[in-house]
């Protein structure tokens, strides 16, 4: 897979170039780490939040790529079936829908990871 293209930092007025998944340079990444959850709007449909038909196609591709195994359990040398696809760096924290930022997780791992991210 080719290297990620470098882009300008998302911080207003910053001229640094980065290829980090969050979109922020090293100097601004921590400063903007929790921005997304403050802007979360409940009551929107899946499609309005970006999880429509295109997401379903990408989700199926990621599950197949990861052989339907929970990547968190796989790192612990345990085989467990994955049922969901999670953003490694959450969209709310500047993550993207790139394949490199997605991994398959079982429901329990996905729920626990999301809970940890929301209290950050």
PDB file of N, CA and C in Angstrom:
ATOM      1  N   UNK A   1       0.853  -1.171   0.000  1.00  0.00           N
ATOM      2  CA  UNK A   1       0.000   0.000   0.000  1.00  0.00           C
ATOM      3  C   UNK A   1       0.903   1.240   0.000  1.00  0.00           C
ATOM      4  N   UNK A   2       0.620   2.232  -0.844  1.00  0.00           N
ATOM      5  CA  UNK A   2       1.462   3.421  -0.898  1.00  0.00           C
ATOM      6  C   UNK A   2       1.336   4.240   0.388  1.00  0.00           C
ATOM      7  N   UNK A   3       2.367   5.037   0.640  1.00  0.00           N
ATOM      8  CA  UNK A   3       2.358   5.889   1.828  1.00  0.00           C
ATOM      9  C   UNK A   3       1.244   6.921   1.715  1.00  0.00           C
ATOM     10  N   UNK A   4       0.726   7.316   2.831  1.00  0.00           N
ATOM     11  CA  UNK A   4      -0.330   8.314   2.908  1.00  0.00           C
ATOM     12  C   UNK A   4       0.199   9.662   2.438  1.00  0.00           C
ATOM     13  N   UNK A   5      -0.570  10.393   1.652  1.00  0.00           N
ATOM     14  CA  UNK A   5      -0.159  11.709   1.160  1.00  0.00           C
ATOM     15  C   UNK A   5      -0.131  12.717   2.306  1.00  0.00           C
ATOM     16  N   UNK A   6       0.871  13.563   2.302  1.00  0.00           N
ATOM     17  CA  UNK A   6       0.964  14.591   3.343  1.00  0.00           C
ATOM     18  C   UNK A   6       0.001  15.727   3.028  1.00  0.00           C
ATOM     19  N   UNK A   7      -0.597  16.272   4.084  1.00  0.00           N
ATOM     20  CA  UNK A   7      -1.572  17.351   3.953  1.00  0.00           C
ATOM     21  C   UNK A   7      -1.293  18.407   5.003  1.00  0.00           C
ATOM     22  N   UNK A   8      -1.816  19.607   4.805  1.00  0.00           N
ATOM     23  CA  UNK A   8      -1.631  20.662   5.812  1.00  0.00           C
ATOM     24  C   UNK A   8      -2.332  20.289   7.115  1.00  0.00           C
ATOM     25  N   UNK A   9      -1.767  20.733   8.219  1.00  0.00           N
ATOM     26  CA  UNK A   9      -2.367  20.519   9.541  1.00  0.00           C
ATOM     27  C   UNK A   9      -3.749  21.171   9.568  1.00  0.00           C
ATOM     28  N   UNK A  10      -4.707  20.537  10.235  1.00  0.00           N
ATOM     29  CA  UNK A  10      -6.075  21.058  10.315  1.00  0.00           C
ATOM     30  C   UNK A  10      -6.221  22.216  11.295  1.00  0.00           C
ATOM     31  N   UNK A  11      -5.207  22.474  12.110  1.00  0.00           N
ATOM     32  CA  UNK A  11      -5.261  23.572  13.076  1.00  0.00           C
ATOM     33  C   UNK A  11      -5.240  24.901  12.330  1.00  0.00           C
ATOM     34  N   UNK A  12      -6.145  25.792  12.673  1.00  0.00           N
ATOM     35  CA  UNK A  12      -6.256  27.068  11.966  1.00  0.00           C
ATOM     36  C   UNK A  12      -4.957  27.870  12.063  1.00  0.00           C
ATOM     37  N   UNK A  13      -4.411  28.213  10.909  1.00  0.00           N
ATOM     38  CA  UNK A  13      -3.204  29.038  10.850  1.00  0.00           C
ATOM     39  C   UNK A  13      -1.901  28.262  10.870  1.00  0.00           C
ATOM     40  N   UNK A  14      -1.943  26.947  11.024  1.00  0.00           N
ATOM     41  CA  UNK A  14      -0.720  26.147  11.065  1.00  0.00           C
ATOM     42  C   UNK A  14      -0.317  25.768   9.645  1.00  0.00           C
ATOM     43  N   UNK A  15       0.946  25.961   9.315  1.00  0.00           N
ATOM     44  CA  UNK A  15       1.437  25.669   7.976  1.00  0.00           C
ATOM     45  C   UNK A  15       2.173  24.329   7.905  1.00  0.00           C
ATOM     46  N   UNK A  16       2.239  23.609   9.006  1.00  0.00           N
ATOM     47  CA  UNK A  16       2.946  22.322   9.020  1.00  0.00           C
ATOM     48  C   UNK A  16       2.237  21.304   8.127  1.00  0.00           C
ATOM     49  N   UNK A  17       3.017  20.374   7.596  1.00  0.00           N
ATOM     50  CA  UNK A  17       2.473  19.314   6.747  1.00  0.00           C
ATOM     51  C   UNK A  17       2.592  17.995   7.506  1.00  0.00           C
ATOM     52  N   UNK A  18       1.525  17.202   7.461  1.00  0.00           N
ATOM     53  CA  UNK A  18       1.513  15.945   8.202  1.00  0.00           C
ATOM     54  C   UNK A  18       0.833  14.855   7.377  1.00  0.00           C
ATOM     55  N   UNK A  19       1.155  13.624   7.673  1.00  0.00           N
ATOM     56  CA  UNK A  19       0.418  12.512   7.068  1.00  0.00           C
ATOM     57  C   UNK A  19      -0.242  11.681   8.166  1.00  0.00           C
ATOM     58  N   UNK A  20      -0.411  12.270   9.345  1.00  0.00           N
ATOM     59  CA  UNK A  20      -1.058  11.597  10.462  1.00  0.00           C
ATOM     60  C   UNK A  20      -2.547  11.419  10.171  1.00  0.00           C
ATOM     61  N   UNK A  21      -3.117  10.321  10.634  1.00  0.00           N
ATOM     62  CA  UNK A  21      -4.523  10.009  10.387  1.00  0.00           C
ATOM     63  C   UNK A  21      -5.444  11.070  10.993  1.00  0.00           C
ATOM     64  N   UNK A  22      -5.052  11.682  12.102  1.00  0.00           N
ATOM     65  CA  UNK A  22      -5.896  12.681  12.748  1.00  0.00           C
ATOM     66  C   UNK A  22      -5.994  13.967  11.942  1.00  0.00           C
ATOM     67  N   UNK A  23      -5.002  14.238  11.091  1.00  0.00           N
ATOM     68  CA  UNK A  23      -5.003  15.469  10.312  1.00  0.00           C
ATOM     69  C   UNK A  23      -4.277  16.611  10.987  1.00  0.00           C
ATOM     70  N   UNK A  24      -3.759  16.377  12.192  1.00  0.00           N
ATOM     71  CA  UNK A  24      -3.039  17.414  12.924  1.00  0.00           C
ATOM     72  C   UNK A  24      -1.553  17.083  12.996  1.00  0.00           C
ATOM     73  N   UNK A  25      -0.723  18.120  13.031  1.00  0.00           N
ATOM     74  CA  UNK A  25       0.715  17.925  13.169  1.00  0.00           C
ATOM     75  C   UNK A  25       1.020  17.508  14.614  1.00  0.00           C
ATOM     76  N   UNK A  26       2.269  17.132  14.871  1.00  0.00           N
ATOM     77  CA  UNK A  26       2.666  16.688  16.211  1.00  0.00           C
ATOM     78  C   UNK A  26       2.383  17.752  17.271  1.00  0.00           C
ATOM     79  N   UNK A  27       2.562  19.006  16.912  1.00  0.00           N
ATOM     80  CA  UNK A  27       2.391  20.104  17.862  1.00  0.00           C
ATOM     81  C   UNK A  27       0.925  20.282  18.266  1.00  0.00           C
ATOM     82  N   UNK A  28      -0.019  20.009  17.366  1.00  0.00           N
ATOM     83  CA  UNK A  28      -1.428  20.294  17.642  1.00  0.00           C
ATOM     84  C   UNK A  28      -2.293  19.059  17.906  1.00  0.00           C
ATOM     85  N   UNK A  29      -1.748  17.860  17.733  1.00  0.00           N
ATOM     86  CA  UNK A  29      -2.543  16.636  17.879  1.00  0.00           C
ATOM     87  C   UNK A  29      -3.172  16.520  19.262  1.00  0.00           C
ATOM     88  N   UNK A  30      -2.388  16.693  20.312  1.00  0.00           N
ATOM     89  CA  UNK A  30      -2.919  16.554  21.678  1.00  0.00           C
ATOM     90  C   UNK A  30      -3.906  17.666  22.015  1.00  0.00           C
ATOM     91  N   UNK A  31      -3.669  18.855  21.470  1.00  0.00           N
ATOM     92  CA  UNK A  31      -4.539  19.988  21.737  1.00  0.00           C
ATOM     93  C   UNK A  31      -5.960  19.739  21.218  1.00  0.00           C
ATOM     94  N   UNK A  32      -6.081  19.012  20.108  1.00  0.00           N
ATOM     95  CA  UNK A  32      -7.385  18.778  19.492  1.00  0.00           C
ATOM     96  C   UNK A  32      -7.916  17.362  19.728  1.00  0.00           C
ATOM     97  N   UNK A  33      -7.325  16.616  20.626  1.00  0.00           N
ATOM     98  CA  UNK A  33      -7.674  15.205  20.815  1.00  0.00           C
ATOM     99  C   UNK A  33      -9.141  14.981  21.167  1.00  0.00           C
ATOM    100  N   UNK A  34      -9.759  15.814  21.950  1.00  0.00           N
ATOM    101  CA  UNK A  34     -11.135  15.572  22.385  1.00  0.00           C
ATOM    102  C   UNK A  34     -12.177  16.435  21.714  1.00  0.00           C
ATOM    103  N   UNK A  35     -11.822  17.151  20.674  1.00  0.00           N
ATOM    104  CA  UNK A  35     -12.747  18.089  20.032  1.00  0.00           C
ATOM    105  C   UNK A  35     -14.035  17.437  19.538  1.00  0.00           C
ATOM    106  N   UNK A  36     -13.929  16.258  18.978  1.00  0.00           N
ATOM    107  CA  UNK A  36     -15.063  15.653  18.304  1.00  0.00           C
ATOM    108  C   UNK A  36     -16.257  15.339  19.174  1.00  0.00           C
ATOM    109  N   UNK A  37     -16.043  14.813  20.380  1.00  0.00           N
ATOM    110  CA  UNK A  37     -17.182  14.421  21.210  1.00  0.00           C
ATOM    111  C   UNK A  37     -17.985  15.623  21.662  1.00  0.00           C
ATOM    112  N   UNK A  38     -17.367  16.799  21.760  1.00  0.00           N
ATOM    113  CA  UNK A  38     -18.131  17.995  22.127  1.00  0.00           C
ATOM    114  C   UNK A  38     -19.096  18.381  21.023  1.00  0.00           C
ATOM    115  N   UNK A  39     -18.764  18.014  19.777  1.00  0.00           N
ATOM    116  CA  UNK A  39     -19.597  18.368  18.639  1.00  0.00           C
ATOM    117  C   UNK A  39     -20.571  17.264  18.253  1.00  0.00           C
ATOM    118  N   UNK A  40     -20.607  16.176  19.012  1.00  0.00           N
ATOM    119  CA  UNK A  40     -21.486  15.052  18.691  1.00  0.00           C
ATOM    120  C   UNK A  40     -22.937  15.497  18.791  1.00  0.00           C
ATOM    121  N   UNK A  41     -23.719  15.134  17.803  1.00  0.00           N
ATOM    122  CA  UNK A  41     -25.132  15.497  17.788  1.00  0.00           C
ATOM    123  C   UNK A  41     -25.968  14.228  17.788  1.00  0.00           C
ATOM    124  N   UNK A  42     -26.670  13.997  18.867  1.00  0.00           N
ATOM    125  CA  UNK A  42     -27.521  12.807  18.924  1.00  0.00           C
ATOM    126  C   UNK A  42     -28.786  13.060  18.124  1.00  0.00           C
ATOM    127  N   UNK A  43     -29.471  12.010  17.790  1.00  0.00           N
ATOM    128  CA  UNK A  43     -30.730  12.138  17.082  1.00  0.00           C
ATOM    129  C   UNK A  43     -30.591  12.100  15.572  1.00  0.00           C
ATOM    130  N   UNK A  44     -29.380  11.957  15.045  1.00  0.00           N
ATOM    131  CA  UNK A  44     -29.196  11.865  13.605  1.00  0.00           C
ATOM    132  C   UNK A  44     -29.257  10.407  13.179  1.00  0.00           C
ATOM    133  N   UNK A  45     -29.690  10.179  11.951  1.00  0.00           N
ATOM    134  CA  UNK A  45     -29.770   8.820  11.435  1.00  0.00           C
ATOM    135  C   UNK A  45     -28.373   8.301  11.101  1.00  0.00           C
ATOM    136  N   UNK A  46     -28.271   7.000  10.864  1.00  0.00           N
ATOM    137  CA  UNK A  46     -26.984   6.401  10.486  1.00  0.00           C
ATOM    138  C   UNK A  46     -26.441   7.066   9.235  1.00  0.00           C
ATOM    139  N   UNK A  47     -27.294   7.275   8.259  1.00  0.00           N
ATOM    140  CA  UNK A  47     -26.865   7.876   7.000  1.00  0.00           C
ATOM    141  C   UNK A  47     -26.366   9.304   7.213  1.00  0.00           C
ATOM    142  N   UNK A  48     -27.053  10.082   8.037  1.00  0.00           N
ATOM    143  CA  UNK A  48     -26.648  11.462   8.322  1.00  0.00           C
ATOM    144  C   UNK A  48     -25.297  11.507   9.037  1.00  0.00           C
ATOM    145  N   UNK A  49     -24.979  10.446   9.803  1.00  0.00           N
ATOM    146  CA  UNK A  49     -23.692  10.394  10.502  1.00  0.00           C
ATOM    147  C   UNK A  49     -22.591   9.756   9.667  1.00  0.00           C
ATOM    148  N   UNK A  50     -22.893   9.348   8.405  1.00  0.00           N
ATOM    149  CA  UNK A  50     -21.880   8.806   7.514  1.00  0.00           C
ATOM    150  C   UNK A  50     -21.797   7.294   7.487  1.00  0.00           C
ATOM    151  N   UNK A  51     -22.850   6.604   7.934  1.00  0.00           N
ATOM    152  CA  UNK A  51     -22.834   5.141   7.971  1.00  0.00           C
ATOM    153  C   UNK A  51     -23.926   4.549   7.085  1.00  0.00           C
ATOM    154  N   UNK A  52     -24.027   5.046   5.863  1.00  0.00           N
ATOM    155  CA  UNK A  52     -25.016   4.559   4.899  1.00  0.00           C
ATOM    156  C   UNK A  52     -24.486   3.380   4.091  1.00  0.00           C
ATOM    157  N   UNK A  53     -24.918   3.301   2.847  1.00  0.00           N
ATOM    158  CA  UNK A  53     -24.580   2.176   1.970  1.00  0.00           C
ATOM    159  C   UNK A  53     -23.083   2.063   1.719  1.00  0.00           C
ATOM    160  N   UNK A  54     -22.400   3.187   1.493  1.00  0.00           N
ATOM    161  CA  UNK A  54     -20.956   3.144   1.245  1.00  0.00           C
ATOM    162  C   UNK A  54     -20.202   2.585   2.451  1.00  0.00           C
ATOM    163  N   UNK A  55     -20.675   2.922   3.655  1.00  0.00           N
ATOM    164  CA  UNK A  55     -20.043   2.387   4.866  1.00  0.00           C
ATOM    165  C   UNK A  55     -20.245   0.874   4.939  1.00  0.00           C
ATOM    166  N   UNK A  56     -21.437   0.395   4.593  1.00  0.00           N
ATOM    167  CA  UNK A  56     -21.706  -1.037   4.639  1.00  0.00           C
ATOM    168  C   UNK A  56     -20.786  -1.809   3.698  1.00  0.00           C
ATOM    169  N   UNK A  57     -20.492  -1.248   2.533  1.00  0.00           N
ATOM    170  CA  UNK A  57     -19.572  -1.888   1.586  1.00  0.00           C
ATOM    171  C   UNK A  57     -18.168  -1.922   2.179  1.00  0.00           C
ATOM    172  N   UNK A  58     -17.732  -0.799   2.742  1.00  0.00           N
ATOM    173  CA  UNK A  58     -16.397  -0.723   3.346  1.00  0.00           C
ATOM    174  C   UNK A  58     -16.299  -1.655   4.553  1.00  0.00           C
ATOM    175  N   UNK A  59     -17.363  -1.712   5.358  1.00  0.00           N
ATOM    176  CA  UNK A  59     -17.392  -2.571   6.547  1.00  0.00           C
ATOM    177  C   UNK A  59     -17.190  -4.031   6.155  1.00  0.00           C
ATOM    178  N   UNK A  60     -17.905  -4.472   5.134  1.00  0.00           N
ATOM    179  CA  UNK A  60     -17.768  -5.858   4.671  1.00  0.00           C
ATOM    180  C   UNK A  60     -16.348  -6.133   4.193  1.00  0.00           C
ATOM    181  N   UNK A  61     -15.737  -5.168   3.502  1.00  0.00           N
ATOM    182  CA  UNK A  61     -14.368  -5.339   3.009  1.00  0.00           C
ATOM    183  C   UNK A  61     -13.372  -5.445   4.173  1.00  0.00           C
ATOM    184  N   UNK A  62     -13.551  -4.633   5.213  1.00  0.00           N
ATOM    185  CA  UNK A  62     -12.637  -4.657   6.362  1.00  0.00           C
ATOM    186  C   UNK A  62     -12.792  -5.959   7.140  1.00  0.00           C
ATOM    187  N   UNK A  63     -14.025  -6.407   7.346  1.00  0.00           N
ATOM    188  CA  UNK A  63     -14.239  -7.685   8.031  1.00  0.00           C
ATOM    189  C   UNK A  63     -13.563  -8.821   7.268  1.00  0.00           C
ATOM    190  N   UNK A  64     -13.697  -8.817   5.956  1.00  0.00           N
ATOM    191  CA  UNK A  64     -13.064  -9.858   5.144  1.00  0.00           C
ATOM    192  C   UNK A  64     -11.546  -9.739   5.220  1.00  0.00           C
ATOM    193  N   UNK A  65     -11.013  -8.506   5.152  1.00  0.00           N
ATOM    194  CA  UNK A  65      -9.561  -8.293   5.243  1.00  0.00           C
ATOM    195  C   UNK A  65      -9.007  -8.858   6.550  1.00  0.00           C
ATOM    196  N   UNK A  66      -9.733  -8.645   7.646  1.00  0.00           N
ATOM    197  CA  UNK A  66      -9.288  -9.107   8.963  1.00  0.00           C
ATOM    198  C   UNK A  66      -9.738 -10.529   9.271  1.00  0.00           C
ATOM    199  N   UNK A  67     -10.260 -11.218   8.266  1.00  0.00           N
ATOM    200  CA  UNK A  67     -10.694 -12.613   8.382  1.00  0.00           C
ATOM    201  C   UNK A  67     -11.752 -12.822   9.473  1.00  0.00           C
ATOM    202  N   UNK A  68     -12.589 -11.809   9.677  1.00  0.00           N
ATOM    203  CA  UNK A  68     -13.684 -11.861  10.640  1.00  0.00           C
ATOM    204  C   UNK A  68     -13.198 -12.175  12.065  1.00  0.00           C
ATOM    205  N   UNK A  69     -11.992 -11.732  12.393  1.00  0.00           N
ATOM    206  CA  UNK A  69     -11.433 -11.946  13.730  1.00  0.00           C
ATOM    207  C   UNK A  69     -11.298 -10.612  14.453  1.00  0.00           C
ATOM    208  N   UNK A  70     -11.621 -10.608  15.739  1.00  0.00           N
ATOM    209  CA  UNK A  70     -11.453  -9.415  16.567  1.00  0.00           C
ATOM    210  C   UNK A  70      -9.959  -9.116  16.678  1.00  0.00           C
ATOM    211  N   UNK A  71      -9.554  -7.930  16.240  1.00  0.00           N
ATOM    212  CA  UNK A  71      -8.138  -7.582  16.231  1.00  0.00           C
ATOM    213  C   UNK A  71      -7.596  -7.357  17.634  1.00  0.00           C
ATOM    214  N   UNK A  72      -8.437  -6.928  18.556  1.00  0.00           N
ATOM    215  CA  UNK A  72      -8.008  -6.752  19.940  1.00  0.00           C
ATOM    216  C   UNK A  72      -7.690  -8.114  20.564  1.00  0.00           C
ATOM    217  N   UNK A  73      -8.548  -9.094  20.354  1.00  0.00           N
ATOM    218  CA  UNK A  73      -8.298 -10.445  20.870  1.00  0.00           C
ATOM    219  C   UNK A  73      -7.133 -11.101  20.132  1.00  0.00           C
ATOM    220  N   UNK A  74      -7.000 -10.832  18.829  1.00  0.00           N
ATOM    221  CA  UNK A  74      -5.901 -11.404  18.053  1.00  0.00           C
ATOM    222  C   UNK A  74      -4.554 -10.941  18.608  1.00  0.00           C
ATOM    223  N   UNK A  75      -4.471  -9.674  19.027  1.00  0.00           N
ATOM    224  CA  UNK A  75      -3.229  -9.157  19.620  1.00  0.00           C
ATOM    225  C   UNK A  75      -2.895  -9.883  20.928  1.00  0.00           C
ATOM    226  N   UNK A  76      -3.929 -10.429  21.586  1.00  0.00           N
ATOM    227  CA  UNK A  76      -3.741 -11.191  22.822  1.00  0.00           C
ATOM    228  C   UNK A  76      -3.638 -12.693  22.551  1.00  0.00           C
ATOM    229  N   UNK A  77      -3.493 -13.059  21.270  1.00  0.00           N
ATOM    230  CA  UNK A  77      -3.361 -14.455  20.842  1.00  0.00           C
ATOM    231  C   UNK A  77      -4.616 -15.279  21.143  1.00  0.00           C
ATOM    232  N   UNK A  78      -5.779 -14.631  21.051  1.00  0.00           N
ATOM    233  CA  UNK A  78      -7.062 -15.305  21.257  1.00  0.00           C
ATOM    234  C   UNK A  78      -7.880 -15.118  19.986  1.00  0.00           C
ATOM    235  N   UNK A  79      -8.534 -16.157  19.525  1.00  0.00           N
ATOM    236  CA  UNK A  79      -9.373 -16.047  18.331  1.00  0.00           C
ATOM    237  C   UNK A  79     -10.817 -15.829  18.760  1.00  0.00           C
ATOM    238  N   UNK A  80     -11.392 -14.715  18.343  1.00  0.00           N
ATOM    239  CA  UNK A  80     -12.792 -14.425  18.633  1.00  0.00           C
ATOM    240  C   UNK A  80     -13.400 -13.748  17.412  1.00  0.00           C
ATOM    241  N   UNK A  81     -14.634 -14.107  17.091  1.00  0.00           N
ATOM    242  CA  UNK A  81     -15.292 -13.594  15.900  1.00  0.00           C
ATOM    243  C   UNK A  81     -15.594 -12.098  16.043  1.00  0.00           C
ATOM    244  N   UNK A  82     -15.297 -11.339  14.982  1.00  0.00           N
ATOM    245  CA  UNK A  82     -15.592  -9.911  14.950  1.00  0.00           C
ATOM    246  C   UNK A  82     -16.937  -9.683  14.290  1.00  0.00           C
ATOM    247  N   UNK A  83     -17.703  -8.747  14.829  1.00  0.00           N
ATOM    248  CA  UNK A  83     -19.005  -8.421  14.250  1.00  0.00           C
ATOM    249  C   UNK A  83     -19.120  -6.956  13.876  1.00  0.00           C
ATOM    250  N   UNK A  84     -18.148  -6.138  14.271  1.00  0.00           N
ATOM    251  CA  UNK A  84     -18.226  -4.713  13.968  1.00  0.00           C
ATOM    252  C   UNK A  84     -16.876  -4.191  13.499  1.00  0.00           C
ATOM    253  N   UNK A  85     -16.908  -3.039  12.847  1.00  0.00           N
ATOM    254  CA  UNK A  85     -15.701  -2.370  12.372  1.00  0.00           C
ATOM    255  C   UNK A  85     -15.594  -1.053  13.123  1.00  0.00           C
ATOM    256  N   UNK A  86     -14.421  -0.790  13.668  1.00  0.00           N
ATOM    257  CA  UNK A  86     -14.200   0.377  14.511  1.00  0.00           C
ATOM    258  C   UNK A  86     -13.112   1.264  13.921  1.00  0.00           C
ATOM    259  N   UNK A  87     -13.221   2.571  14.167  1.00  0.00           N
ATOM    260  CA  UNK A  87     -12.178   3.519  13.789  1.00  0.00           C
ATOM    261  C   UNK A  87     -11.099   3.475  14.876  1.00  0.00           C
ATOM    262  N   UNK A  88      -9.857   3.220  14.500  1.00  0.00           N
ATOM    263  CA  UNK A  88      -8.753   3.197  15.459  1.00  0.00           C
ATOM    264  C   UNK A  88      -8.636   4.570  16.105  1.00  0.00           C
ATOM    265  N   UNK A  89      -8.553   5.594  15.290  1.00  0.00           N
ATOM    266  CA  UNK A  89      -8.660   6.976  15.775  1.00  0.00           C
ATOM    267  C   UNK A  89     -10.083   7.402  15.435  1.00  0.00           C
ATOM    268  N   UNK A  90     -10.913   7.660  16.434  1.00  0.00           N
ATOM    269  CA  UNK A  90     -12.327   7.948  16.185  1.00  0.00           C
ATOM    270  C   UNK A  90     -12.522   9.146  15.255  1.00  0.00           C
ATOM    271  N   UNK A  91     -13.593   9.115  14.486  1.00  0.00           N
ATOM    272  CA  UNK A  91     -13.915  10.241  13.624  1.00  0.00           C
ATOM    273  C   UNK A  91     -14.090  11.501  14.462  1.00  0.00           C
ATOM    274  N   UNK A  92     -14.607  11.351  15.660  1.00  0.00           N
ATOM    275  CA  UNK A  92     -14.815  12.492  16.548  1.00  0.00           C
ATOM    276  C   UNK A  92     -13.498  13.112  17.011  1.00  0.00           C
ATOM    277  N   UNK A  93     -12.411  12.371  16.903  1.00  0.00           N
ATOM    278  CA  UNK A  93     -11.100  12.881  17.293  1.00  0.00           C
ATOM    279  C   UNK A  93     -10.230  13.167  16.077  1.00  0.00           C
ATOM    280  N   UNK A  94     -10.847  13.248  14.916  1.00  0.00           N
ATOM    281  CA  UNK A  94     -10.110  13.586  13.708  1.00  0.00           C
ATOM    282  C   UNK A  94      -9.738  12.412  12.831  1.00  0.00           C
ATOM    283  N   UNK A  95     -10.180  11.211  13.175  1.00  0.00           N
ATOM    284  CA  UNK A  95      -9.888  10.037  12.365  1.00  0.00           C
ATOM    285  C   UNK A  95     -10.679  10.054  11.064  1.00  0.00           C
ATOM    286  N   UNK A  96     -10.278   9.201  10.141  1.00  0.00           N
ATOM    287  CA  UNK A  96     -10.935   9.148   8.838  1.00  0.00           C
ATOM    288  C   UNK A  96     -11.487   7.751   8.584  1.00  0.00           C
ATOM    289  N   UNK A  97     -12.140   7.591   7.446  1.00  0.00           N
ATOM    290  CA  UNK A  97     -12.666   6.297   7.044  1.00  0.00           C
ATOM    291  C   UNK A  97     -11.673   5.516   6.192  1.00  0.00           C
ATOM    292  N   UNK A  98     -10.401   5.914   6.181  1.00  0.00           N
ATOM    293  CA  UNK A  98      -9.383   5.174   5.437  1.00  0.00           C
ATOM    294  C   UNK A  98      -9.258   3.765   5.997  1.00  0.00           C
ATOM    295  N   UNK A  99      -8.978   2.807   5.120  1.00  0.00           N
ATOM    296  CA  UNK A  99      -8.825   1.415   5.554  1.00  0.00           C
ATOM    297  C   UNK A  99      -7.764   1.270   6.633  1.00  0.00           C
ATOM    298  N   UNK A 100      -6.720   2.091   6.578  1.00  0.00           N
ATOM    299  CA  UNK A 100      -5.645   2.000   7.576  1.00  0.00           C
ATOM    300  C   UNK A 100      -6.104   2.440   8.964  1.00  0.00           C
ATOM    301  N   UNK A 101      -7.250   3.126   9.055  1.00  0.00           N
ATOM    302  CA  UNK A 101      -7.764   3.586  10.340  1.00  0.00           C
ATOM    303  C   UNK A 101      -8.944   2.731  10.816  1.00  0.00           C
ATOM    304  N   UNK A 102      -9.182   1.599  10.175  1.00  0.00           N
ATOM    305  CA  UNK A 102     -10.303   0.742  10.537  1.00  0.00           C
ATOM    306  C   UNK A 102      -9.815  -0.642  10.943  1.00  0.00           C
ATOM    307  N   UNK A 103     -10.496  -1.241  11.928  1.00  0.00           N
ATOM    308  CA  UNK A 103     -10.182  -2.603  12.344  1.00  0.00           C
ATOM    309  C   UNK A 103     -11.452  -3.308  12.783  1.00  0.00           C
ATOM    310  N   UNK A 104     -11.445  -4.612  12.651  1.00  0.00           N
ATOM    311  CA  UNK A 104     -12.575  -5.438  13.068  1.00  0.00           C
ATOM    312  C   UNK A 104     -12.475  -5.719  14.564  1.00  0.00           C
ATOM    313  N   UNK A 105     -13.603  -5.599  15.251  1.00  0.00           N
ATOM    314  CA  UNK A 105     -13.656  -5.879  16.684  1.00  0.00           C
ATOM    315  C   UNK A 105     -14.908  -6.675  17.011  1.00  0.00           C
ATOM    316  N   UNK A 106     -14.852  -7.443  18.089  1.00  0.00           N
ATOM    317  CA  UNK A 106     -16.066  -8.089  18.592  1.00  0.00           C
ATOM    318  C   UNK A 106     -16.892  -6.996  19.292  1.00  0.00           C
ATOM    319  N   UNK A 107     -18.147  -7.285  19.538  1.00  0.00           N
ATOM    320  CA  UNK A 107     -19.026  -6.277  20.116  1.00  0.00           C
ATOM    321  C   UNK A 107     -18.540  -5.814  21.493  1.00  0.00           C
ATOM    322  N   UNK A 108     -18.059  -6.719  22.317  1.00  0.00           N
ATOM    323  CA  UNK A 108     -17.621  -6.351  23.667  1.00  0.00           C
ATOM    324  C   UNK A 108     -16.427  -5.387  23.610  1.00  0.00           C
ATOM    325  N   UNK A 109     -15.455  -5.679  22.754  1.00  0.00           N
ATOM    326  CA  UNK A 109     -14.278  -4.802  22.626  1.00  0.00           C
ATOM    327  C   UNK A 109     -14.664  -3.445  22.049  1.00  0.00           C
ATOM    328  N   UNK A 110     -15.572  -3.448  21.071  1.00  0.00           N
ATOM    329  CA  UNK A 110     -16.008  -2.199  20.458  1.00  0.00           C
ATOM    330  C   UNK A 110     -16.723  -1.318  21.477  1.00  0.00           C
ATOM    331  N   UNK A 111     -17.614  -1.920  22.255  1.00  0.00           N
ATOM    332  CA  UNK A 111     -18.360  -1.171  23.271  1.00  0.00           C
ATOM    333  C   UNK A 111     -17.418  -0.586  24.328  1.00  0.00           C
ATOM    334  N   UNK A 112     -16.454  -1.378  24.788  1.00  0.00           N
ATOM    335  CA  UNK A 112     -15.515  -0.911  25.811  1.00  0.00           C
ATOM    336  C   UNK A 112     -14.622   0.203  25.266  1.00  0.00           C
ATOM    337  N   UNK A 113     -14.149   0.060  24.033  1.00  0.00           N
ATOM    338  CA  UNK A 113     -13.277   1.077  23.436  1.00  0.00           C
ATOM    339  C   UNK A 113     -14.034   2.389  23.257  1.00  0.00           C
ATOM    340  N   UNK A 114     -15.272   2.327  22.785  1.00  0.00           N
ATOM    341  CA  UNK A 114     -16.076   3.530  22.603  1.00  0.00           C
ATOM    342  C   UNK A 114     -16.324   4.222  23.935  1.00  0.00           C
ATOM    343  N   UNK A 115     -16.589   3.459  24.979  1.00  0.00           N
ATOM    344  CA  UNK A 115     -16.808   4.042  26.308  1.00  0.00           C
ATOM    345  C   UNK A 115     -15.555   4.757  26.805  1.00  0.00           C
ATOM    346  N   UNK A 116     -14.382   4.154  26.593  1.00  0.00           N
ATOM    347  CA  UNK A 116     -13.124   4.802  27.001  1.00  0.00           C
ATOM    348  C   UNK A 116     -12.899   6.104  26.235  1.00  0.00           C
ATOM    349  N   UNK A 117     -13.222   6.102  24.946  1.00  0.00           N
ATOM    350  CA  UNK A 117     -13.010   7.283  24.110  1.00  0.00           C
ATOM    351  C   UNK A 117     -13.926   8.431  24.516  1.00  0.00           C
ATOM    352  N   UNK A 118     -15.135   8.132  24.928  1.00  0.00           N
ATOM    353  CA  UNK A 118     -16.083   9.185  25.259  1.00  0.00           C
ATOM    354  C   UNK A 118     -15.744   9.919  26.544  1.00  0.00           C
ATOM    355  N   UNK A 119     -15.011   9.283  27.452  1.00  0.00           N
ATOM    356  CA  UNK A 119     -14.665   9.963  28.706  1.00  0.00           C
ATOM    357  C   UNK A 119     -13.342  10.694  28.627  1.00  0.00           C
ATOM    358  N   UNK A 120     -12.648  10.606  27.494  1.00  0.00           N
ATOM    359  CA  UNK A 120     -11.382  11.312  27.330  1.00  0.00           C
ATOM    360  C   UNK A 120     -11.580  12.800  27.393  1.00  0.00           C
TER     361      UNK A 120
END
